[in-house]
Amino acid sequence: MNAVVPPAVAERSEAEALYRFETEVPDSVRAALGMNAARIGGGVVLSMRDDPTRFWSKALGFGVTAPVTAEVIGAVCDFYRSEGTSQAVLQIAPAFLPEDWDDIRAREGITAGSSWVKLACPVEEAVTRARALEPPAGIRVAPVEADQAQEWGAVVTRAFGMPEEHYAGMTAASVGRRGWHPFAALLDGEIVGTGTMHADGDAAQFFAGAVLPHARKRGGQTALLAARALRARDLGCRVLVAETGAEAPGTRNSSLHNMLRLGFQVAYERRNWVWRSSTGA
């Protein structure tokens, strides 16, 4: 699978997309959520101090242009301390973890959390499979227009179980920005599903794919994947990159299987490493 996308390409694709997603937001959203960001040791460090979901404070993209060292991880943790962030997740591809990682994380109080899988797919493979799909039942997929941005952002937050206040505005801010290609799944004229894509060179990063509960099991999420694959082909991208939660024993991740059906393959499994402030709640 690494012949399709090396870890360096996959990690950079996600890191740059998320950096833009969290930094190119309205000032009112940035102030309300206590957002800040930095580039440290070749990676991106994203802080959302006042985030009740504890999802958006992330550090990722490390190991691509410089090795992961104790000094780099110490600087990342110091950044979070200076921001007053109570918890953050470090996401590092297993290929880039140093031999002394256990010592580094013990020193900084970093513990092992859940795992995600990194997936990739050649664009032409996804396009071929997309063309063979049955049309979704009653669902129409279309690019998001500027006047739909707020509704689309609100659906993203609801689909992922996040608060709409401020988060919908953060999500909507990406609509219409260079490099972003958002799509909506509509049922009877209502936006019921979402998915966006950040295109950067050869790689197209998939993001925010979800469907509201009452509209699931109609093929909407697969149709959103297919629409983005076709757009990536038109943009000249060569590889699609995505992430989702790893399946725990006895569980099934529908998003994972929808991507596998479109031709994605698991490149590797990546642990979420959790840092918590000693003074945090």
Protein backbone atom coordinates (compact mmCIF):
# COMPACT_ATOMS: atom_id res chain seq x y z
CA MET A 1 0.00 0.00 0.00
CA ASN A 2 2.90 2.34 0.59
CA ALA A 3 3.46 2.15 -3.17
CA VAL A 4 0.19 4.07 -3.49
CA VAL A 5 0.99 6.70 -0.86
CA PRO A 6 4.12 6.94 1.30
CA PRO A 7 3.45 7.89 4.94
CA ALA A 8 5.08 11.28 4.33
CA VAL A 9 2.51 12.16 1.66
CA ALA A 10 -0.43 10.84 3.67
CA GLU A 11 0.57 12.67 6.85
CA ARG A 12 1.30 15.96 5.10
CA SER A 13 -2.02 15.83 3.26
CA GLU A 14 -4.01 15.55 6.48
CA ALA A 15 -1.90 18.02 8.43
CA GLU A 16 -2.10 20.80 5.87
CA ALA A 17 -5.85 20.36 5.37
CA LEU A 18 -6.55 20.45 9.10
CA TYR A 19 -4.23 23.43 9.60
CA ARG A 20 -6.19 25.42 7.04
CA PHE A 21 -9.53 24.22 8.41
CA GLU A 22 -8.72 25.44 11.92
CA THR A 23 -6.84 28.64 11.10
CA GLU A 24 -8.91 30.13 8.27
CA VAL A 25 -11.92 30.88 10.47
CA PRO A 26 -13.79 34.05 11.48
CA ASP A 27 -12.19 36.04 14.28
CA SER A 28 -15.36 35.63 16.35
CA VAL A 29 -15.06 31.83 16.19
CA ARG A 30 -11.34 31.93 16.99
CA ALA A 31 -11.97 34.08 20.07
CA ALA A 32 -14.97 32.08 21.30
CA LEU A 33 -13.15 28.74 21.11
CA GLY A 34 -9.71 29.99 22.17
CA MET A 35 -8.02 28.85 18.97
CA ASN A 36 -4.35 29.17 18.10
CA ALA A 37 -1.85 27.26 15.97
CA ALA A 38 1.87 26.87 15.44
CA ARG A 39 4.32 25.03 13.22
CA ILE A 40 6.87 23.13 15.30
CA GLY A 41 9.47 20.60 14.20
CA GLY A 42 7.95 20.18 10.76
CA GLY A 43 4.46 19.44 12.11
CA VAL A 44 1.36 21.50 12.81
CA VAL A 45 0.12 22.12 16.34
CA LEU A 46 -3.54 23.12 16.69
CA SER A 47 -5.02 24.33 19.95
CA MET A 48 -8.66 24.90 20.82
CA ARG A 49 -8.59 25.80 24.50
CA ASP A 50 -12.34 26.10 25.01
CA ASP A 51 -13.43 22.98 23.16
CA PRO A 52 -15.95 20.89 25.13
CA THR A 53 -15.57 18.02 22.64
CA ARG A 54 -11.79 17.82 23.19
CA PHE A 55 -11.45 16.78 19.57
CA TRP A 56 -9.82 19.72 17.82
CA SER A 57 -6.55 20.22 19.74
CA LYS A 58 -4.23 18.08 17.63
CA ALA A 59 -0.57 17.90 16.69
CA LEU A 60 0.22 16.05 13.47
CA GLY A 61 2.39 15.94 10.36
CA PHE A 62 5.57 15.09 12.27
CA GLY A 63 8.42 13.06 10.83
CA VAL A 64 7.85 14.21 7.26
CA THR A 65 10.59 16.86 7.00
CA ALA A 66 12.43 16.38 10.31
CA PRO A 67 12.78 13.55 12.83
CA VAL A 68 10.53 13.26 15.87
CA THR A 69 12.71 14.03 18.89
CA ALA A 70 12.31 14.66 22.61
CA GLU A 71 12.96 18.34 21.96
CA VAL A 72 10.20 18.56 19.34
CA ILE A 73 7.63 16.79 21.52
CA GLY A 74 8.64 18.91 24.51
CA ALA A 75 8.07 22.08 22.46
CA VAL A 76 4.64 20.80 21.37
CA CYS A 77 3.60 20.15 24.97
CA ASP A 78 4.99 23.52 26.06
CA PHE A 79 2.85 25.20 23.40
CA TYR A 80 -0.28 23.54 24.79
CA ARG A 81 0.69 24.53 28.33
CA SER A 82 1.19 28.14 27.25
CA GLU A 83 -2.25 28.13 25.60
CA GLY A 84 -3.95 26.76 28.70
CA THR A 85 -5.13 23.71 26.74
CA SER A 86 -6.17 20.87 29.03
CA GLN A 87 -5.90 18.00 26.54
CA ALA A 88 -4.49 17.37 23.08
CA VAL A 89 -3.88 14.44 20.76
CA LEU A 90 -0.58 13.77 19.00
CA GLN A 91 -0.98 11.82 15.75
CA ILE A 92 2.26 10.39 14.38
CA ALA A 93 2.58 7.70 11.73
CA PRO A 94 4.14 4.55 13.23
CA ALA A 95 6.96 4.75 10.66
CA PHE A 96 8.02 8.08 12.18
CA LEU A 97 7.96 7.17 15.87
CA PRO A 98 11.51 7.23 17.28
CA GLU A 99 13.06 4.28 19.09
CA ASP A 100 12.90 6.17 22.39
CA TRP A 101 9.22 7.07 21.99
CA ASP A 102 8.19 5.30 25.21
CA ASP A 103 10.74 7.33 27.15
CA ILE A 104 9.64 10.57 25.48
CA ARG A 105 5.96 10.06 26.17
CA ALA A 106 6.59 8.95 29.74
CA ARG A 107 8.53 12.18 30.33
CA GLU A 108 5.67 14.30 28.96
CA GLY A 109 2.79 12.31 30.45
CA ILE A 110 1.50 11.13 27.06
CA THR A 111 -0.71 8.03 27.11
CA ALA A 112 -2.04 5.69 24.43
CA GLY A 113 -5.57 6.38 23.24
CA SER A 114 -7.75 4.98 20.47
CA SER A 115 -6.47 4.17 16.99
CA TRP A 116 -7.35 5.50 13.56
CA VAL A 117 -6.66 3.95 10.19
CA LYS A 118 -5.07 5.90 7.37
CA LEU A 119 -6.51 4.98 3.98
CA ALA A 120 -5.47 5.78 0.43
CA CYS A 121 -6.67 5.04 -3.06
CA PRO A 122 -5.44 5.80 -6.58
CA VAL A 123 -7.86 8.30 -8.09
CA GLU A 124 -8.46 6.24 -11.24
CA GLU A 125 -9.40 3.18 -9.17
CA ALA A 126 -11.97 5.16 -7.21
CA VAL A 127 -13.37 6.76 -10.38
CA THR A 128 -13.77 3.38 -12.06
CA ARG A 129 -15.69 2.04 -9.08
CA ALA A 130 -17.72 5.23 -8.70
CA ARG A 131 -19.00 4.93 -12.26
CA ALA A 132 -20.25 1.41 -11.54
CA LEU A 133 -22.28 2.40 -8.47
CA GLU A 134 -26.05 2.24 -8.30
CA PRO A 135 -27.62 5.69 -7.82
CA PRO A 136 -28.40 6.42 -4.15
CA ALA A 137 -32.04 5.98 -3.10
CA GLY A 138 -33.67 9.40 -3.25
CA ILE A 139 -30.38 11.18 -2.56
CA ARG A 140 -28.87 13.84 -4.82
CA VAL A 141 -25.23 14.89 -4.35
CA ALA A 142 -24.08 18.33 -5.46
CA PRO A 143 -21.33 20.88 -4.75
CA VAL A 144 -22.10 23.26 -1.89
CA GLU A 145 -23.01 26.77 -3.00
CA ALA A 146 -22.04 29.86 -1.03
CA ASP A 147 -25.60 30.44 0.19
CA GLN A 148 -25.69 26.88 1.58
CA ALA A 149 -22.50 27.22 3.64
CA GLN A 150 -24.13 27.82 7.03
CA GLU A 151 -26.67 25.02 6.58
CA TRP A 152 -23.93 22.67 5.40
CA GLY A 153 -21.72 23.58 8.37
CA ALA A 154 -24.59 22.97 10.79
CA VAL A 155 -25.25 19.52 9.29
CA VAL A 156 -21.57 18.58 9.66
CA THR A 157 -21.67 19.39 13.37
CA ARG A 158 -24.97 17.58 13.95
CA ALA A 159 -23.84 14.49 12.06
CA PHE A 160 -20.71 14.25 14.21
CA GLY A 161 -22.56 15.05 17.45
CA MET A 162 -20.85 18.38 18.03
CA PRO A 163 -22.35 21.69 19.20
CA GLU A 164 -23.58 23.92 16.38
CA GLU A 165 -22.64 27.21 18.03
CA HIS A 166 -19.25 28.36 16.74
CA TYR A 167 -18.42 24.93 15.26
CA ALA A 168 -20.86 25.36 12.38
CA GLY A 169 -19.27 28.71 11.60
CA MET A 170 -15.80 27.18 11.67
CA THR A 171 -16.89 24.47 9.25
CA ALA A 172 -18.81 26.80 6.95
CA ALA A 173 -15.76 29.07 6.63
CA SER A 174 -14.04 26.55 4.34
CA VAL A 175 -16.79 26.79 1.71
CA GLY A 176 -15.59 28.82 -1.25
CA ARG A 177 -11.96 28.92 -0.13
CA ARG A 178 -9.19 27.98 -2.54
CA GLY A 179 -8.40 24.27 -2.47
CA TRP A 180 -11.60 23.20 -0.71
CA HIS A 181 -14.31 21.25 -2.55
CA PRO A 182 -17.38 20.66 -0.34
CA PHE A 183 -20.32 18.48 -1.35
CA ALA A 184 -23.79 17.97 0.09
CA ALA A 185 -26.17 15.04 -0.04
CA LEU A 186 -29.75 16.27 -0.36
CA LEU A 187 -32.99 14.46 0.40
CA ASP A 188 -36.17 16.28 -0.63
CA GLY A 189 -34.17 19.49 -0.87
CA GLU A 190 -32.71 19.19 2.66
CA ILE A 191 -28.98 18.78 3.27
CA VAL A 192 -28.66 15.44 5.05
CA GLY A 193 -25.06 14.53 4.33
CA THR A 194 -21.70 16.22 3.96
CA GLY A 195 -18.21 15.66 2.69
CA THR A 196 -15.39 17.95 1.68
CA MET A 197 -12.01 17.56 0.03
CA HIS A 198 -8.81 19.55 0.24
CA ALA A 199 -6.79 19.30 -2.97
CA ASP A 200 -3.06 19.99 -2.79
CA GLY A 201 -0.87 18.82 -5.65
CA ASP A 202 -1.15 15.09 -6.27
CA ALA A 203 -3.11 14.40 -3.07
CA ALA A 204 -6.78 14.97 -2.33
CA GLN A 205 -7.61 14.83 1.38
CA PHE A 206 -11.15 13.66 2.24
CA PHE A 207 -12.73 15.25 5.29
CA ALA A 208 -16.05 15.65 7.14
CA GLY A 209 -17.92 12.78 5.51
CA ALA A 210 -21.14 12.02 7.39
CA VAL A 211 -24.89 11.55 6.95
CA LEU A 212 -27.65 12.42 9.42
CA PRO A 213 -29.25 9.36 11.08
CA HIS A 214 -32.64 9.62 9.37
CA ALA A 215 -31.04 9.58 5.91
CA ARG A 216 -28.61 6.70 6.35
CA LYS A 217 -28.69 3.35 4.53
CA ARG A 218 -29.58 5.04 1.23
CA GLY A 219 -26.09 5.13 -0.29
CA GLY A 220 -25.56 8.80 0.48
CA GLN A 221 -22.13 8.51 2.02
CA THR A 222 -20.83 6.35 -0.82
CA ALA A 223 -22.23 8.87 -3.31
CA LEU A 224 -20.40 11.67 -1.47
CA LEU A 225 -17.17 9.69 -1.71
CA ALA A 226 -17.72 9.09 -5.42
CA ALA A 227 -18.46 12.75 -6.15
CA ARG A 228 -15.22 13.82 -4.49
CA ALA A 229 -13.23 11.16 -6.35
CA LEU A 230 -14.57 12.47 -9.66
CA ARG A 231 -13.70 16.05 -8.69
CA ALA A 232 -10.18 14.95 -7.67
CA ARG A 233 -9.72 13.36 -11.11
CA ASP A 234 -10.84 16.58 -12.79
CA LEU A 235 -8.33 18.54 -10.69
CA GLY A 236 -5.46 16.28 -11.74
CA CYS A 237 -4.95 14.64 -8.34
CA ARG A 238 -3.47 11.15 -8.33
CA VAL A 239 -4.25 9.80 -4.86
CA LEU A 240 -7.08 10.10 -2.35
CA VAL A 241 -6.29 10.16 1.37
CA ALA A 242 -8.67 9.69 4.31
CA GLU A 243 -8.85 8.63 7.96
CA THR A 244 -11.45 6.97 10.13
CA GLY A 245 -11.65 5.12 13.41
CA ALA A 246 -10.16 1.64 13.59
CA GLU A 247 -12.68 -1.11 14.25
CA ALA A 248 -12.57 -2.48 17.78
CA PRO A 249 -13.40 -6.18 18.20
CA GLY A 250 -17.12 -6.74 17.77
CA THR A 251 -17.75 -3.34 16.15
CA ARG A 252 -18.32 -2.21 12.57
CA ASN A 253 -17.35 1.19 11.17
CA SER A 254 -19.66 1.82 8.21
CA SER A 255 -17.51 4.72 6.98
CA LEU A 256 -14.51 2.41 6.75
CA HIS A 257 -16.40 -0.17 4.72
CA ASN A 258 -17.85 2.46 2.40
CA MET A 259 -14.32 3.63 1.61
CA LEU A 260 -13.05 0.09 1.10
CA ARG A 261 -15.92 -0.49 -1.32
CA LEU A 262 -14.75 2.48 -3.40
CA GLY A 263 -11.20 1.08 -3.62
CA PHE A 264 -9.49 2.60 -0.60
CA GLN A 265 -6.98 0.41 1.19
CA VAL A 266 -5.68 0.67 4.73
CA ALA A 267 -2.16 2.07 4.56
CA TYR A 268 -1.50 1.78 8.29
CA GLU A 269 -3.09 2.04 11.71
CA ARG A 270 -2.10 5.07 13.77
CA ARG A 271 -2.42 5.45 17.52
CA ASN A 272 -3.84 8.62 19.05
CA TRP A 273 -1.38 9.72 21.75
CA VAL A 274 -3.13 11.76 24.42
CA TRP A 275 -1.42 14.57 26.32
CA ARG A 276 -3.16 16.04 29.38
CA SER A 277 -2.14 19.08 31.34
CA SER A 278 -1.24 18.36 34.95
CA THR A 279 -3.45 21.32 35.89
CA GLY A 280 -6.28 20.48 33.45
CA ALA A 281 -9.77 19.39 34.40
